[in-house]
Structure formats: structure tokens, C-alpha cells
């Protein structure tokens, strides 16, 4: 069994690659992104949600088969199209207000399969 010193010591900086902790975080993020994309079925689901938002409604888009950078670009386009604010959280796009029909038309125009989910 290794000593406590061996368990706690690990390389954190290398003159060749720099800060080793950043490389670990980058690898983790890439793995999470790959796992998220692998679990999608190719259908974008659009919901209107109010829970946890003090009655304010938001439209959420789940299951968009794009990586994070492409999602950020799509978010900007959709926010401008709807004329409202929004955010990206864990691969889910949130647009403030009820814009299901507008978002559905825009995503279908971009070639995505879209379903309206929820009530």
C-alpha cells in the first residue's frame, strides 16, 4: 500500500505542457460532451416550463445534436429571432417567454427534427 505522501502528490506543472490541471479539466469536458452527444436520439424537444422560476415562463430546447460551441452560436441566432434573452445550461437552451412556434419553425428550417413536448 502506498503512503499518504504518494497518494497526495501528483504532477501539477510541466515545462513541456504547462499547467497539468487544465489538461485534466479539458479532457473531462471533452468526455462529458462526447457522452452527451452519444445519448441523443436526434429529435429536438421544445417545452414551456415555469417551475422554479417564480411563475415566469421559459421555452427550453432539449436534445440538440450540436457541440457546445455550435450551441452557443445557435443560441445567439434564436435569441435575436425571438427578441428575448436566454441562456445555455448543460446542453439545454433556455429562451425567455413562450416562443415554441417561432423556435420550431426556425429549427425545422435549419434541418432539425422537432417535437413539441409537455403541455
C-alpha atoms as a PDB file:
ATOM      1  CA  UNK A   1       0.000   0.000   0.000  1.00  0.00           C
ATOM      2  CA  UNK A   2       1.331   3.443  -0.878  1.00  0.00           C
ATOM      3  CA  UNK A   3       1.970   6.086   1.713  1.00  0.00           C
ATOM      4  CA  UNK A   4      -0.176   9.153   2.199  1.00  0.00           C
ATOM      5  CA  UNK A   5       2.535  11.312   0.657  1.00  0.00           C
ATOM      6  CA  UNK A   6       2.461   9.213  -2.529  1.00  0.00           C
ATOM      7  CA  UNK A   7      -1.324   9.410  -2.683  1.00  0.00           C
ATOM      8  CA  UNK A   8      -1.419  13.184  -2.313  1.00  0.00           C
ATOM      9  CA  UNK A   9       1.474  14.045  -4.598  1.00  0.00           C
ATOM     10  CA  UNK A  10       0.875  14.356  -8.295  1.00  0.00           C
ATOM     11  CA  UNK A  11       2.403  16.415 -11.041  1.00  0.00           C
ATOM     12  CA  UNK A  12       0.676  19.774 -11.447  1.00  0.00           C
ATOM     13  CA  UNK A  13       3.098  21.580 -13.743  1.00  0.00           C
ATOM     14  CA  UNK A  14       5.374  20.529 -16.557  1.00  0.00           C
ATOM     15  CA  UNK A  15       7.732  22.725 -18.554  1.00  0.00           C
ATOM     16  CA  UNK A  16       6.599  20.946 -21.732  1.00  0.00           C
ATOM     17  CA  UNK A  17       2.828  21.301 -21.380  1.00  0.00           C
ATOM     18  CA  UNK A  18       2.355  23.905 -18.633  1.00  0.00           C
ATOM     19  CA  UNK A  19      -0.366  23.530 -16.011  1.00  0.00           C
ATOM     20  CA  UNK A  20      -1.346  19.840 -15.882  1.00  0.00           C
ATOM     21  CA  UNK A  21      -4.607  20.540 -14.021  1.00  0.00           C
ATOM     22  CA  UNK A  22      -6.024  22.385 -17.026  1.00  0.00           C
ATOM     23  CA  UNK A  23      -5.342  19.401 -19.282  1.00  0.00           C
ATOM     24  CA  UNK A  24      -7.289  17.158 -16.919  1.00  0.00           C
ATOM     25  CA  UNK A  25     -10.252  19.557 -16.956  1.00  0.00           C
ATOM     26  CA  UNK A  26     -10.176  19.822 -20.760  1.00  0.00           C
ATOM     27  CA  UNK A  27     -10.174  16.042 -21.109  1.00  0.00           C
ATOM     28  CA  UNK A  28     -13.084  15.759 -18.657  1.00  0.00           C
ATOM     29  CA  UNK A  29     -15.102  18.360 -20.554  1.00  0.00           C
ATOM     30  CA  UNK A  30     -14.460  16.638 -23.879  1.00  0.00           C
ATOM     31  CA  UNK A  31     -15.518  13.293 -22.412  1.00  0.00           C
ATOM     32  CA  UNK A  32     -18.709  14.785 -20.963  1.00  0.00           C
ATOM     33  CA  UNK A  33     -19.506  16.456 -24.287  1.00  0.00           C
ATOM     34  CA  UNK A  34     -18.983  13.183 -26.170  1.00  0.00           C
ATOM     35  CA  UNK A  35     -21.190  11.308 -23.697  1.00  0.00           C
ATOM     36  CA  UNK A  36     -23.946  13.937 -24.019  1.00  0.00           C
ATOM     37  CA  UNK A  37     -23.877  13.761 -27.827  1.00  0.00           C
ATOM     38  CA  UNK A  38     -23.860   9.951 -27.821  1.00  0.00           C
ATOM     39  CA  UNK A  39     -27.005   9.848 -25.670  1.00  0.00           C
ATOM     40  CA  UNK A  40     -29.120  11.940 -28.057  1.00  0.00           C
ATOM     41  CA  UNK A  41     -31.680  10.487 -30.455  1.00  0.00           C
ATOM     42  CA  UNK A  42     -31.607  13.353 -32.990  1.00  0.00           C
ATOM     43  CA  UNK A  43     -35.005  14.786 -32.058  1.00  0.00           C
ATOM     44  CA  UNK A  44     -35.147  18.302 -30.619  1.00  0.00           C
ATOM     45  CA  UNK A  45     -37.822  18.634 -27.941  1.00  0.00           C
ATOM     46  CA  UNK A  46     -39.306  22.055 -27.206  1.00  0.00           C
ATOM     47  CA  UNK A  47     -41.015  22.623 -23.848  1.00  0.00           C
ATOM     48  CA  UNK A  48     -42.504  25.543 -21.993  1.00  0.00           C
ATOM     49  CA  UNK A  49     -41.511  25.472 -18.323  1.00  0.00           C
ATOM     50  CA  UNK A  50     -42.356  27.645 -15.330  1.00  0.00           C
ATOM     51  CA  UNK A  51     -41.233  25.519 -12.386  1.00  0.00           C
ATOM     52  CA  UNK A  52     -38.571  27.104 -10.194  1.00  0.00           C
ATOM     53  CA  UNK A  53     -38.848  30.452 -11.975  1.00  0.00           C
ATOM     54  CA  UNK A  54     -41.461  32.233  -9.836  1.00  0.00           C
ATOM     55  CA  UNK A  55     -44.140  31.800 -12.495  1.00  0.00           C
ATOM     56  CA  UNK A  56     -42.045  33.239 -15.318  1.00  0.00           C
ATOM     57  CA  UNK A  57     -42.230  31.026 -18.381  1.00  0.00           C
ATOM     58  CA  UNK A  58     -39.259  29.952 -20.455  1.00  0.00           C
ATOM     59  CA  UNK A  59     -39.040  27.816 -23.569  1.00  0.00           C
ATOM     60  CA  UNK A  60     -36.434  25.056 -23.314  1.00  0.00           C
ATOM     61  CA  UNK A  61     -34.839  23.117 -26.161  1.00  0.00           C
ATOM     62  CA  UNK A  62     -33.561  19.648 -25.271  1.00  0.00           C
ATOM     63  CA  UNK A  63     -31.577  17.194 -27.384  1.00  0.00           C
ATOM     64  CA  UNK A  64     -29.976  19.426 -29.979  1.00  0.00           C
ATOM     65  CA  UNK A  65     -27.214  17.316 -31.582  1.00  0.00           C
ATOM     66  CA  UNK A  66     -24.539  20.048 -31.673  1.00  0.00           C
ATOM     67  CA  UNK A  67     -21.373  20.598 -29.677  1.00  0.00           C
ATOM     68  CA  UNK A  68     -21.138  23.411 -27.128  1.00  0.00           C
ATOM     69  CA  UNK A  69     -19.604  25.998 -29.459  1.00  0.00           C
ATOM     70  CA  UNK A  70     -22.278  25.401 -32.101  1.00  0.00           C
ATOM     71  CA  UNK A  71     -24.975  25.570 -29.410  1.00  0.00           C
ATOM     72  CA  UNK A  72     -23.690  28.989 -28.321  1.00  0.00           C
ATOM     73  CA  UNK A  73     -23.874  30.262 -31.896  1.00  0.00           C
ATOM     74  CA  UNK A  74     -27.377  28.818 -32.328  1.00  0.00           C
ATOM     75  CA  UNK A  75     -28.446  30.409 -29.041  1.00  0.00           C
ATOM     76  CA  UNK A  76     -27.428  33.849 -30.285  1.00  0.00           C
ATOM     77  CA  UNK A  77     -29.422  33.388 -33.506  1.00  0.00           C
ATOM     78  CA  UNK A  78     -32.516  32.143 -31.656  1.00  0.00           C
ATOM     79  CA  UNK A  79     -32.405  34.976 -29.121  1.00  0.00           C
ATOM     80  CA  UNK A  80     -32.298  37.528 -31.936  1.00  0.00           C
ATOM     81  CA  UNK A  81     -35.081  35.733 -33.803  1.00  0.00           C
ATOM     82  CA  UNK A  82     -37.351  35.748 -30.715  1.00  0.00           C
ATOM     83  CA  UNK A  83     -36.288  39.174 -29.480  1.00  0.00           C
ATOM     84  CA  UNK A  84     -35.701  37.987 -25.939  1.00  0.00           C
ATOM     85  CA  UNK A  85     -32.992  36.802 -23.591  1.00  0.00           C
ATOM     86  CA  UNK A  86     -31.814  33.287 -22.981  1.00  0.00           C
ATOM     87  CA  UNK A  87     -29.035  31.049 -21.766  1.00  0.00           C
ATOM     88  CA  UNK A  88     -27.279  27.734 -22.290  1.00  0.00           C
ATOM     89  CA  UNK A  89     -27.113  25.318 -19.341  1.00  0.00           C
ATOM     90  CA  UNK A  90     -25.818  21.739 -19.608  1.00  0.00           C
ATOM     91  CA  UNK A  91     -26.632  21.456 -23.313  1.00  0.00           C
ATOM     92  CA  UNK A  92     -30.163  22.835 -22.845  1.00  0.00           C
ATOM     93  CA  UNK A  93     -31.090  26.145 -24.441  1.00  0.00           C
ATOM     94  CA  UNK A  94     -33.474  28.349 -22.461  1.00  0.00           C
ATOM     95  CA  UNK A  95     -35.259  31.248 -24.164  1.00  0.00           C
ATOM     96  CA  UNK A  96     -37.289  33.648 -22.016  1.00  0.00           C
ATOM     97  CA  UNK A  97     -41.007  33.654 -22.813  1.00  0.00           C
ATOM     98  CA  UNK A  98     -43.251  31.348 -24.831  1.00  0.00           C
ATOM     99  CA  UNK A  99     -41.725  31.117 -28.324  1.00  0.00           C
ATOM    100  CA  UNK A 100     -42.445  27.481 -29.196  1.00  0.00           C
ATOM    101  CA  UNK A 101     -43.890  28.143 -32.670  1.00  0.00           C
ATOM    102  CA  UNK A 102     -41.122  30.557 -33.673  1.00  0.00           C
ATOM    103  CA  UNK A 103     -38.392  28.219 -32.451  1.00  0.00           C
ATOM    104  CA  UNK A 104     -39.991  25.214 -34.129  1.00  0.00           C
ATOM    105  CA  UNK A 105     -40.104  26.995 -37.489  1.00  0.00           C
ATOM    106  CA  UNK A 106     -36.504  28.208 -37.180  1.00  0.00           C
ATOM    107  CA  UNK A 107     -35.117  24.782 -36.202  1.00  0.00           C
ATOM    108  CA  UNK A 108     -37.054  22.978 -38.946  1.00  0.00           C
ATOM    109  CA  UNK A 109     -35.695  25.499 -41.436  1.00  0.00           C
ATOM    110  CA  UNK A 110     -32.196  24.528 -40.227  1.00  0.00           C
ATOM    111  CA  UNK A 111     -32.929  20.823 -40.856  1.00  0.00           C
ATOM    112  CA  UNK A 112     -33.637  19.524 -37.331  1.00  0.00           C
ATOM    113  CA  UNK A 113     -36.445  17.130 -36.431  1.00  0.00           C
ATOM    114  CA  UNK A 114     -38.598  18.940 -33.837  1.00  0.00           C
ATOM    115  CA  UNK A 115     -41.298  17.781 -31.412  1.00  0.00           C
ATOM    116  CA  UNK A 116     -43.334  19.906 -29.027  1.00  0.00           C
ATOM    117  CA  UNK A 117     -43.160  18.222 -25.637  1.00  0.00           C
ATOM    118  CA  UNK A 118     -45.091  18.812 -22.450  1.00  0.00           C
ATOM    119  CA  UNK A 119     -48.295  20.804 -22.042  1.00  0.00           C
END
